[in-house]
Amino acid sequence: MYMERMSGAMGRLKSLVGMEEEEEAQEEENIFLTDDLSRQCSLSPQQRMYGFAACLACGLFCTLLSLLVFLHPIKFAVTFTFGNLLSLGSTAFLVGPMRQLKMMFDPVRVVASAVFIGSMAIALFCALYIHSKLLTLLAIIIEFCALIWYSLSYIPFARAAAKKFMGSCFEAEF
């Protein structure tokens, strides 16, 4: 009975402040869903570090392996993109997959993330289905630039500095 009165009082207080009870119920449901998911998939800190190290090592290995097949754009695209996917996935071990996705699609880096993921998909599509070396090479160049831009989005003021640097490099006086 006491809990019902408290719940009713909280509901009236929320309506005075302008909060909708349905919205909060939905938010609480989403929070409980993610909490339940994280409890089901929880790893110890040591397991997270092992997962991160293994995934990152495999990603770096694939990226370095791609340099050996650099003259074969299709093989290069597959190994380079797979290395990027593994390296990107390695950070999910540290912060968790849901937080990783939230960070990737944060308004600050949503464009960089979308271009990076899209360029990986296009590179794999060009390499595996179209079999065009020229298109694959172009997609890999875009993927590499998107990887750099995406990585810079995690360093404060790095993208602004990169823009300023690139502007000064290509600035022409007539």
N, C-alpha and C. Protein backbone atom coordinates (compact mmCIF):
# COMPACT_ATOMS: atom_id res chain seq x y z
N MET A 1 0.83 -1.17 0.00
CA MET A 1 0.00 0.00 0.00
C MET A 1 0.89 1.25 0.00
N TYR A 2 1.94 1.23 0.80
CA TYR A 2 2.86 2.36 0.86
C TYR A 2 3.53 2.58 -0.49
N MET A 3 3.92 1.48 -1.16
CA MET A 3 4.58 1.56 -2.47
C MET A 3 3.63 2.14 -3.51
N GLU A 4 2.35 1.78 -3.43
CA GLU A 4 1.39 2.31 -4.39
C GLU A 4 1.23 3.82 -4.22
N ARG A 5 1.19 4.30 -2.97
CA ARG A 5 1.08 5.74 -2.73
C ARG A 5 2.32 6.48 -3.22
N MET A 6 3.51 5.87 -2.99
CA MET A 6 4.74 6.48 -3.46
C MET A 6 4.76 6.53 -4.99
N SER A 7 4.32 5.46 -5.62
CA SER A 7 4.28 5.41 -7.07
C SER A 7 3.32 6.46 -7.62
N GLY A 8 2.16 6.59 -6.98
CA GLY A 8 1.18 7.61 -7.39
C GLY A 8 1.74 9.01 -7.20
N ALA A 9 2.41 9.25 -6.08
CA ALA A 9 2.99 10.57 -5.83
C ALA A 9 4.09 10.88 -6.84
N MET A 10 4.91 9.89 -7.16
CA MET A 10 5.96 10.09 -8.16
C MET A 10 5.35 10.38 -9.53
N GLY A 11 4.23 9.71 -9.85
CA GLY A 11 3.56 9.95 -11.13
C GLY A 11 3.03 11.37 -11.22
N ARG A 12 2.44 11.87 -10.13
CA ARG A 12 1.93 13.26 -10.12
C ARG A 12 3.09 14.24 -10.22
N LEU A 13 4.19 13.96 -9.51
CA LEU A 13 5.36 14.83 -9.56
C LEU A 13 5.95 14.88 -10.97
N LYS A 14 6.01 13.74 -11.62
CA LYS A 14 6.54 13.69 -12.98
C LYS A 14 5.66 14.45 -13.95
N SER A 15 4.34 14.36 -13.75
CA SER A 15 3.44 15.09 -14.66
C SER A 15 3.56 16.59 -14.43
N LEU A 16 3.85 17.03 -13.18
CA LEU A 16 4.07 18.45 -12.93
C LEU A 16 5.34 18.96 -13.60
N VAL A 17 6.33 18.12 -13.62
CA VAL A 17 7.61 18.50 -14.22
C VAL A 17 7.55 18.40 -15.75
N GLY A 18 6.61 17.64 -16.26
CA GLY A 18 6.48 17.51 -17.71
C GLY A 18 6.97 16.18 -18.24
N MET A 19 7.30 15.26 -17.37
CA MET A 19 7.73 13.93 -17.81
C MET A 19 6.51 13.06 -18.03
N GLU A 20 6.54 12.29 -19.07
CA GLU A 20 5.46 11.35 -19.35
C GLU A 20 5.78 10.03 -18.68
N GLU A 21 4.80 9.44 -18.05
CA GLU A 21 5.02 8.16 -17.38
C GLU A 21 5.31 7.05 -18.38
N GLU A 22 4.67 7.10 -19.56
CA GLU A 22 4.87 6.06 -20.55
C GLU A 22 6.29 6.08 -21.09
N GLU A 23 6.81 7.31 -21.30
CA GLU A 23 8.18 7.42 -21.81
C GLU A 23 9.17 6.82 -20.82
N GLU A 24 8.97 7.11 -19.53
CA GLU A 24 9.89 6.58 -18.54
C GLU A 24 9.77 5.07 -18.44
N ALA A 25 8.55 4.55 -18.55
CA ALA A 25 8.37 3.11 -18.49
C ALA A 25 9.12 2.45 -19.65
N GLN A 26 9.03 3.09 -20.83
CA GLN A 26 9.75 2.55 -21.99
C GLN A 26 11.25 2.60 -21.74
N GLU A 27 11.76 3.73 -21.18
CA GLU A 27 13.18 3.84 -20.91
C GLU A 27 13.63 2.81 -19.89
N GLU A 28 12.82 2.61 -18.83
CA GLU A 28 13.17 1.61 -17.82
C GLU A 28 13.20 0.22 -18.43
N GLU A 29 12.23 -0.06 -19.33
CA GLU A 29 12.20 -1.37 -19.98
C GLU A 29 13.45 -1.57 -20.81
N ASN A 30 13.88 -0.54 -21.55
CA ASN A 30 15.09 -0.64 -22.36
C ASN A 30 16.32 -0.83 -21.48
N ILE A 31 16.38 -0.11 -20.36
CA ILE A 31 17.51 -0.25 -19.44
C ILE A 31 17.56 -1.67 -18.89
N PHE A 32 16.39 -2.21 -18.48
CA PHE A 32 16.38 -3.56 -17.94
C PHE A 32 16.77 -4.58 -19.00
N LEU A 33 16.37 -4.35 -20.26
CA LEU A 33 16.72 -5.27 -21.33
C LEU A 33 18.23 -5.29 -21.54
N THR A 34 18.85 -4.11 -21.57
CA THR A 34 20.30 -4.08 -21.76
C THR A 34 21.04 -4.61 -20.55
N ASP A 35 20.51 -4.35 -19.35
CA ASP A 35 21.13 -4.91 -18.15
C ASP A 35 21.07 -6.43 -18.18
N ASP A 36 19.93 -6.97 -18.57
CA ASP A 36 19.77 -8.41 -18.64
C ASP A 36 20.71 -8.99 -19.69
N LEU A 37 20.82 -8.30 -20.82
CA LEU A 37 21.71 -8.77 -21.87
C LEU A 37 23.16 -8.75 -21.40
N SER A 38 23.55 -7.67 -20.71
CA SER A 38 24.94 -7.60 -20.25
C SER A 38 25.22 -8.63 -19.15
N ARG A 39 24.20 -8.96 -18.34
CA ARG A 39 24.40 -10.00 -17.33
C ARG A 39 24.57 -11.37 -17.99
N GLN A 40 23.84 -11.60 -19.08
CA GLN A 40 23.93 -12.88 -19.76
C GLN A 40 25.28 -13.05 -20.47
N CYS A 41 25.85 -11.94 -20.93
CA CYS A 41 27.08 -11.98 -21.72
C CYS A 41 28.27 -11.41 -20.96
N SER A 42 28.19 -11.37 -19.66
CA SER A 42 29.25 -10.71 -18.91
C SER A 42 30.53 -11.54 -18.92
N LEU A 43 31.62 -10.82 -19.02
CA LEU A 43 32.94 -11.43 -18.97
C LEU A 43 33.72 -10.80 -17.83
N SER A 44 34.64 -11.53 -17.29
CA SER A 44 35.48 -10.98 -16.24
C SER A 44 36.46 -9.99 -16.89
N PRO A 45 37.03 -9.08 -16.12
CA PRO A 45 38.01 -8.15 -16.69
C PRO A 45 39.18 -8.86 -17.37
N GLN A 46 39.61 -9.98 -16.81
CA GLN A 46 40.70 -10.73 -17.41
C GLN A 46 40.27 -11.33 -18.76
N GLN A 47 39.05 -11.87 -18.83
CA GLN A 47 38.55 -12.42 -20.08
C GLN A 47 38.39 -11.33 -21.13
N ARG A 48 37.96 -10.13 -20.70
CA ARG A 48 37.84 -9.00 -21.63
C ARG A 48 39.21 -8.64 -22.21
N MET A 49 40.22 -8.62 -21.37
CA MET A 49 41.57 -8.28 -21.84
C MET A 49 42.09 -9.34 -22.80
N TYR A 50 41.84 -10.62 -22.48
CA TYR A 50 42.27 -11.70 -23.38
C TYR A 50 41.54 -11.59 -24.72
N GLY A 51 40.24 -11.34 -24.68
CA GLY A 51 39.46 -11.19 -25.91
C GLY A 51 39.94 -10.01 -26.73
N PHE A 52 40.18 -8.89 -26.05
CA PHE A 52 40.68 -7.70 -26.73
C PHE A 52 42.02 -7.98 -27.38
N ALA A 53 42.95 -8.57 -26.63
CA ALA A 53 44.29 -8.84 -27.14
C ALA A 53 44.25 -9.82 -28.31
N ALA A 54 43.46 -10.87 -28.19
CA ALA A 54 43.38 -11.87 -29.26
C ALA A 54 42.77 -11.28 -30.53
N CYS A 55 41.70 -10.53 -30.36
CA CYS A 55 41.02 -9.93 -31.51
C CYS A 55 41.92 -8.88 -32.18
N LEU A 56 42.57 -8.06 -31.37
CA LEU A 56 43.45 -7.04 -31.91
C LEU A 56 44.66 -7.67 -32.60
N ALA A 57 45.23 -8.71 -31.99
CA ALA A 57 46.38 -9.39 -32.61
C ALA A 57 45.98 -10.01 -33.94
N CYS A 58 44.83 -10.65 -33.98
CA CYS A 58 44.37 -11.24 -35.25
C CYS A 58 44.10 -10.15 -36.29
N GLY A 59 43.52 -9.04 -35.85
CA GLY A 59 43.26 -7.93 -36.76
C GLY A 59 44.53 -7.33 -37.32
N LEU A 60 45.51 -7.13 -36.45
CA LEU A 60 46.79 -6.59 -36.92
C LEU A 60 47.52 -7.59 -37.82
N PHE A 61 47.41 -8.88 -37.49
CA PHE A 61 48.01 -9.91 -38.33
C PHE A 61 47.40 -9.90 -39.72
N CYS A 62 46.07 -9.82 -39.80
CA CYS A 62 45.41 -9.78 -41.11
C CYS A 62 45.78 -8.51 -41.88
N THR A 63 45.88 -7.40 -41.18
CA THR A 63 46.27 -6.15 -41.84
C THR A 63 47.70 -6.25 -42.38
N LEU A 64 48.61 -6.79 -41.58
CA LEU A 64 49.98 -6.97 -42.06
C LEU A 64 50.07 -8.02 -43.17
N LEU A 65 49.26 -9.06 -43.04
CA LEU A 65 49.20 -10.08 -44.08
C LEU A 65 48.71 -9.50 -45.40
N SER A 66 47.83 -8.53 -45.31
CA SER A 66 47.31 -7.92 -46.53
C SER A 66 48.41 -7.20 -47.31
N LEU A 67 49.44 -6.74 -46.61
CA LEU A 67 50.54 -6.07 -47.30
C LEU A 67 51.32 -7.04 -48.20
N LEU A 68 51.32 -8.31 -47.82
CA LEU A 68 52.01 -9.31 -48.64
C LEU A 68 51.31 -9.55 -49.97
N VAL A 69 50.01 -9.34 -50.00
CA VAL A 69 49.25 -9.56 -51.23
C VAL A 69 48.78 -8.23 -51.82
N PHE A 70 49.56 -7.18 -51.58
CA PHE A 70 49.18 -5.83 -52.01
C PHE A 70 48.98 -5.74 -53.52
N LEU A 71 49.75 -6.50 -54.29
CA LEU A 71 49.65 -6.44 -55.74
C LEU A 71 48.43 -7.17 -56.29
N HIS A 72 47.73 -7.88 -55.44
CA HIS A 72 46.49 -8.56 -55.82
C HIS A 72 45.34 -7.87 -55.08
N PRO A 73 44.74 -6.85 -55.71
CA PRO A 73 43.76 -6.01 -55.00
C PRO A 73 42.60 -6.76 -54.34
N ILE A 74 42.16 -7.84 -54.96
CA ILE A 74 41.02 -8.56 -54.39
C ILE A 74 41.42 -9.26 -53.10
N LYS A 75 42.54 -9.95 -53.10
CA LYS A 75 43.02 -10.60 -51.87
C LYS A 75 43.37 -9.56 -50.81
N PHE A 76 43.95 -8.46 -51.27
CA PHE A 76 44.30 -7.37 -50.35
C PHE A 76 43.05 -6.82 -49.68
N ALA A 77 42.01 -6.59 -50.47
CA ALA A 77 40.77 -6.01 -49.93
C ALA A 77 40.14 -6.91 -48.87
N VAL A 78 40.13 -8.20 -49.14
CA VAL A 78 39.51 -9.13 -48.19
C VAL A 78 40.30 -9.19 -46.89
N THR A 79 41.61 -9.34 -46.97
CA THR A 79 42.40 -9.46 -45.74
C THR A 79 42.47 -8.13 -44.98
N PHE A 80 42.58 -7.02 -45.71
CA PHE A 80 42.64 -5.71 -45.06
C PHE A 80 41.32 -5.39 -44.36
N THR A 81 40.20 -5.65 -45.04
CA THR A 81 38.89 -5.37 -44.45
C THR A 81 38.61 -6.30 -43.28
N PHE A 82 38.98 -7.57 -43.40
CA PHE A 82 38.80 -8.50 -42.29
C PHE A 82 39.63 -8.08 -41.08
N GLY A 83 40.85 -7.60 -41.35
CA GLY A 83 41.69 -7.08 -40.27
C GLY A 83 41.07 -5.88 -39.59
N ASN A 84 40.47 -4.98 -40.38
CA ASN A 84 39.79 -3.82 -39.80
C ASN A 84 38.59 -4.24 -38.95
N LEU A 85 37.84 -5.21 -39.44
CA LEU A 85 36.68 -5.70 -38.67
C LEU A 85 37.11 -6.31 -37.34
N LEU A 86 38.17 -7.10 -37.37
CA LEU A 86 38.66 -7.70 -36.13
C LEU A 86 39.19 -6.64 -35.16
N SER A 87 39.91 -5.68 -35.69
CA SER A 87 40.43 -4.61 -34.83
C SER A 87 39.30 -3.78 -34.24
N LEU A 88 38.30 -3.50 -35.03
CA LEU A 88 37.13 -2.76 -34.54
C LEU A 88 36.38 -3.57 -33.50
N GLY A 89 36.27 -4.87 -33.74
CA GLY A 89 35.59 -5.74 -32.78
C GLY A 89 36.35 -5.92 -31.48
N SER A 90 37.64 -5.72 -31.52
CA SER A 90 38.44 -5.90 -30.31
C SER A 90 38.06 -4.90 -29.23
N THR A 91 37.72 -3.69 -29.64
CA THR A 91 37.36 -2.68 -28.64
C THR A 91 36.02 -3.00 -27.98
N ALA A 92 35.19 -3.79 -28.64
CA ALA A 92 33.93 -4.19 -28.03
C ALA A 92 34.16 -5.07 -26.80
N PHE A 93 35.29 -5.76 -26.75
CA PHE A 93 35.61 -6.54 -25.56
C PHE A 93 35.89 -5.63 -24.37
N LEU A 94 36.47 -4.47 -24.62
CA LEU A 94 36.80 -3.57 -23.52
C LEU A 94 35.59 -2.80 -23.00
N VAL A 95 34.78 -2.26 -23.90
CA VAL A 95 33.67 -1.40 -23.47
C VAL A 95 32.33 -2.08 -23.58
N GLY A 96 32.26 -3.22 -24.22
CA GLY A 96 31.00 -3.91 -24.42
C GLY A 96 30.41 -3.56 -25.77
N PRO A 97 29.68 -4.49 -26.37
CA PRO A 97 29.16 -4.25 -27.72
C PRO A 97 28.12 -3.13 -27.80
N MET A 98 27.26 -3.02 -26.80
CA MET A 98 26.23 -1.97 -26.83
C MET A 98 26.86 -0.59 -26.71
N ARG A 99 27.80 -0.44 -25.80
CA ARG A 99 28.46 0.85 -25.63
C ARG A 99 29.30 1.18 -26.86
N GLN A 100 29.91 0.17 -27.45
CA GLN A 100 30.69 0.37 -28.66
C GLN A 100 29.80 0.93 -29.77
N LEU A 101 28.62 0.34 -29.94
CA LEU A 101 27.70 0.82 -30.96
C LEU A 101 27.21 2.23 -30.66
N LYS A 102 26.93 2.50 -29.39
CA LYS A 102 26.50 3.85 -29.01
C LYS A 102 27.61 4.86 -29.29
N MET A 103 28.84 4.49 -29.01
CA MET A 103 29.96 5.40 -29.26
C MET A 103 30.17 5.59 -30.76
N MET A 104 30.02 4.53 -31.52
CA MET A 104 30.21 4.63 -32.96
C MET A 104 29.16 5.52 -33.61
N PHE A 105 27.94 5.46 -33.12
CA PHE A 105 26.87 6.22 -33.72
C PHE A 105 26.48 7.44 -32.89
N ASP A 106 27.44 7.91 -32.10
CA ASP A 106 27.32 9.18 -31.42
C ASP A 106 27.27 10.27 -32.50
N PRO A 107 26.49 11.34 -32.30
CA PRO A 107 26.39 12.37 -33.34
C PRO A 107 27.73 12.93 -33.82
N VAL A 108 28.73 12.90 -32.96
CA VAL A 108 30.04 13.43 -33.34
C VAL A 108 30.69 12.56 -34.42
N ARG A 109 30.48 11.24 -34.35
CA ARG A 109 31.19 10.36 -35.29
C ARG A 109 30.27 9.47 -36.11
N VAL A 110 29.00 9.80 -36.19
CA VAL A 110 28.07 8.96 -36.95
C VAL A 110 28.42 8.94 -38.43
N VAL A 111 28.82 10.06 -38.99
CA VAL A 111 29.17 10.09 -40.41
C VAL A 111 30.45 9.29 -40.66
N ALA A 112 31.45 9.47 -39.80
CA ALA A 112 32.70 8.73 -39.95
C ALA A 112 32.46 7.24 -39.83
N SER A 113 31.62 6.83 -38.88
CA SER A 113 31.31 5.40 -38.69
C SER A 113 30.57 4.84 -39.90
N ALA A 114 29.58 5.59 -40.38
CA ALA A 114 28.79 5.12 -41.52
C ALA A 114 29.66 4.99 -42.78
N VAL A 115 30.52 5.97 -43.00
CA VAL A 115 31.41 5.90 -44.18
C VAL A 115 32.39 4.75 -44.03
N PHE A 116 32.92 4.55 -42.83
CA PHE A 116 33.88 3.46 -42.60
C PHE A 116 33.22 2.10 -42.82
N ILE A 117 32.07 1.88 -42.21
CA ILE A 117 31.37 0.61 -42.36
C ILE A 117 30.91 0.41 -43.81
N GLY A 118 30.39 1.48 -44.40
CA GLY A 118 29.96 1.39 -45.79
C GLY A 118 31.11 1.10 -46.74
N SER A 119 32.25 1.72 -46.50
CA SER A 119 33.41 1.47 -47.38
C SER A 119 33.92 0.04 -47.22
N MET A 120 33.83 -0.52 -46.02
CA MET A 120 34.22 -1.92 -45.84
C MET A 120 33.28 -2.83 -46.62
N ALA A 121 31.98 -2.54 -46.55
CA ALA A 121 31.01 -3.35 -47.28
C ALA A 121 31.22 -3.22 -48.79
N ILE A 122 31.47 -2.02 -49.26
CA ILE A 122 31.69 -1.81 -50.69
C ILE A 122 32.97 -2.50 -51.15
N ALA A 123 34.02 -2.43 -50.34
CA ALA A 123 35.28 -3.09 -50.70
C ALA A 123 35.09 -4.60 -50.82
N LEU A 124 34.39 -5.18 -49.85
CA LEU A 124 34.14 -6.62 -49.93
C LEU A 124 33.24 -6.97 -51.11
N PHE A 125 32.24 -6.14 -51.38
CA PHE A 125 31.35 -6.37 -52.51
C PHE A 125 32.12 -6.32 -53.83
N CYS A 126 32.95 -5.30 -53.98
CA CYS A 126 33.75 -5.16 -55.21
C CYS A 126 34.74 -6.31 -55.36
N ALA A 127 35.29 -6.76 -54.26
CA ALA A 127 36.29 -7.83 -54.32
C ALA A 127 35.66 -9.19 -54.56
N LEU A 128 34.57 -9.48 -53.84
CA LEU A 128 34.02 -10.83 -53.87
C LEU A 128 32.97 -11.06 -54.94
N TYR A 129 32.23 -10.04 -55.32
CA TYR A 129 31.13 -10.24 -56.27
C TYR A 129 31.40 -9.62 -57.64
N ILE A 130 31.95 -8.42 -57.67
CA ILE A 130 32.19 -7.77 -58.96
C ILE A 130 33.52 -8.23 -59.55
N HIS A 131 34.49 -8.54 -58.72
CA HIS A 131 35.84 -8.97 -59.14
C HIS A 131 36.54 -7.91 -59.99
N SER A 132 36.30 -6.65 -59.66
CA SER A 132 36.94 -5.55 -60.38
C SER A 132 38.10 -5.04 -59.54
N LYS A 133 39.29 -5.14 -60.08
CA LYS A 133 40.48 -4.70 -59.35
C LYS A 133 40.48 -3.19 -59.16
N LEU A 134 40.05 -2.45 -60.17
CA LEU A 134 40.04 -0.99 -60.09
C LEU A 134 39.04 -0.50 -59.04
N LEU A 135 37.83 -1.05 -59.07
CA LEU A 135 36.83 -0.65 -58.09
C LEU A 135 37.23 -1.08 -56.68
N THR A 136 37.82 -2.24 -56.58
CA THR A 136 38.28 -2.72 -55.27
C THR A 136 39.37 -1.82 -54.72
N LEU A 137 40.31 -1.42 -55.57
CA LEU A 137 41.38 -0.53 -55.14
C LEU A 137 40.82 0.82 -54.71
N LEU A 138 39.86 1.34 -55.46
CA LEU A 138 39.22 2.61 -55.10
C LEU A 138 38.49 2.49 -53.75
N ALA A 139 37.78 1.38 -53.55
CA ALA A 139 37.08 1.15 -52.29
C ALA A 139 38.04 1.03 -51.12
N ILE A 140 39.19 0.41 -51.34
CA ILE A 140 40.19 0.26 -50.28
C ILE A 140 40.78 1.62 -49.92
N ILE A 141 41.01 2.46 -50.91
CA ILE A 141 41.52 3.80 -50.62
C ILE A 141 40.51 4.58 -49.79
N ILE A 142 39.25 4.48 -50.15
CA ILE A 142 38.20 5.15 -49.37
C ILE A 142 38.12 4.55 -47.98
N GLU A 143 38.23 3.24 -47.88
CA GLU A 143 38.20 2.57 -46.58
C GLU A 143 39.35 3.03 -45.69
N PHE A 144 40.53 3.14 -46.27
CA PHE A 144 41.70 3.56 -45.49
C PHE A 144 41.52 5.00 -44.99
N CYS A 145 41.06 5.89 -45.86
CA CYS A 145 40.81 7.28 -45.45
C CYS A 145 39.72 7.35 -44.38
N ALA A 146 38.67 6.54 -44.56
CA ALA A 146 37.58 6.51 -43.57
C ALA A 146 38.07 5.96 -42.24
N LEU A 147 38.97 4.98 -42.27
CA LEU A 147 39.55 4.43 -41.05
C LEU A 147 40.33 5.50 -40.29
N ILE A 148 41.11 6.28 -41.01
CA ILE A 148 41.88 7.35 -40.36
C ILE A 148 40.93 8.39 -39.77
N TRP A 149 39.91 8.80 -40.55
CA TRP A 149 38.98 9.81 -40.07
C TRP A 149 38.18 9.29 -38.86
N TYR A 150 37.78 8.03 -38.92
CA TYR A 150 37.05 7.42 -37.81
C TYR A 150 37.94 7.35 -36.57
N SER A 151 39.19 6.96 -36.73
CA SER A 151 40.11 6.88 -35.60
C SER A 151 40.37 8.25 -34.99
N LEU A 152 40.48 9.26 -35.82
CA LEU A 152 40.71 10.62 -35.32
C LEU A 152 39.51 11.15 -34.53
N SER A 153 38.33 10.58 -34.77
CA SER A 153 37.14 11.07 -34.06
C SER A 153 37.19 10.72 -32.57
N TYR A 154 38.04 9.79 -32.18
CA TYR A 154 38.16 9.42 -30.77
C TYR A 154 39.21 10.25 -30.04
N ILE A 155 39.98 11.04 -30.76
CA ILE A 155 41.02 11.87 -30.15
C ILE A 155 40.51 13.31 -30.13
N PRO A 156 40.43 13.92 -28.96
CA PRO A 156 39.91 15.29 -28.90
C PRO A 156 40.70 16.26 -29.80
N PHE A 157 39.99 17.01 -30.57
CA PHE A 157 40.51 18.05 -31.47
C PHE A 157 41.38 17.51 -32.59
N ALA A 158 41.48 16.20 -32.76
CA ALA A 158 42.34 15.64 -33.81
C ALA A 158 41.78 15.92 -35.20
N ARG A 159 40.47 15.81 -35.36
CA ARG A 159 39.91 16.05 -36.69
C ARG A 159 40.04 17.52 -37.08
N ALA A 160 39.88 18.42 -36.12
CA ALA A 160 40.05 19.85 -36.41
C ALA A 160 41.50 20.13 -36.81
N ALA A 161 42.44 19.51 -36.12
CA ALA A 161 43.85 19.69 -36.46
C ALA A 161 44.16 19.10 -37.84
N ALA A 162 43.56 17.94 -38.15
CA ALA A 162 43.79 17.32 -39.46
C ALA A 162 43.21 18.19 -40.57
N LYS A 163 42.04 18.77 -40.33
CA LYS A 163 41.45 19.67 -41.33
C LYS A 163 42.34 20.88 -41.56
N LYS A 164 42.84 21.45 -40.49
CA LYS A 164 43.71 22.62 -40.60
C LYS A 164 45.00 22.26 -41.34
N PHE A 165 45.57 21.11 -41.00
CA PHE A 165 46.79 20.66 -41.65
C PHE A 165 46.57 20.43 -43.14
N MET A 166 45.50 19.73 -43.49
CA MET A 166 45.21 19.45 -44.90
C MET A 166 44.91 20.75 -45.65
N GLY A 167 44.24 21.68 -44.99
CA GLY A 167 43.96 22.96 -45.61
C GLY A 167 45.23 23.72 -45.91
N SER A 168 46.18 23.67 -44.99
CA SER A 168 47.45 24.37 -45.20
C SER A 168 48.30 23.67 -46.26
N CYS A 169 48.17 22.36 -46.39
CA CYS A 169 48.93 21.63 -47.41
C CYS A 169 48.43 21.95 -48.82
N PHE A 170 47.13 22.09 -48.96
CA PHE A 170 46.56 22.31 -50.27
C PHE A 170 46.20 23.76 -50.54
N GLU A 171 46.61 24.63 -49.66
CA GLU A 171 46.32 26.05 -49.86
C GLU A 171 47.24 26.59 -50.96
N ALA A 172 46.63 27.21 -51.89
CA ALA A 172 47.42 27.74 -53.01
C ALA A 172 47.21 29.24 -53.09
N GLU A 173 48.28 29.96 -53.26
CA GLU A 173 48.20 31.40 -53.42
C GLU A 173 48.50 31.71 -54.88
N PHE A 174 47.66 32.55 -55.44
CA PHE A 174 47.85 32.93 -56.85
C PHE A 174 48.32 34.34 -56.96
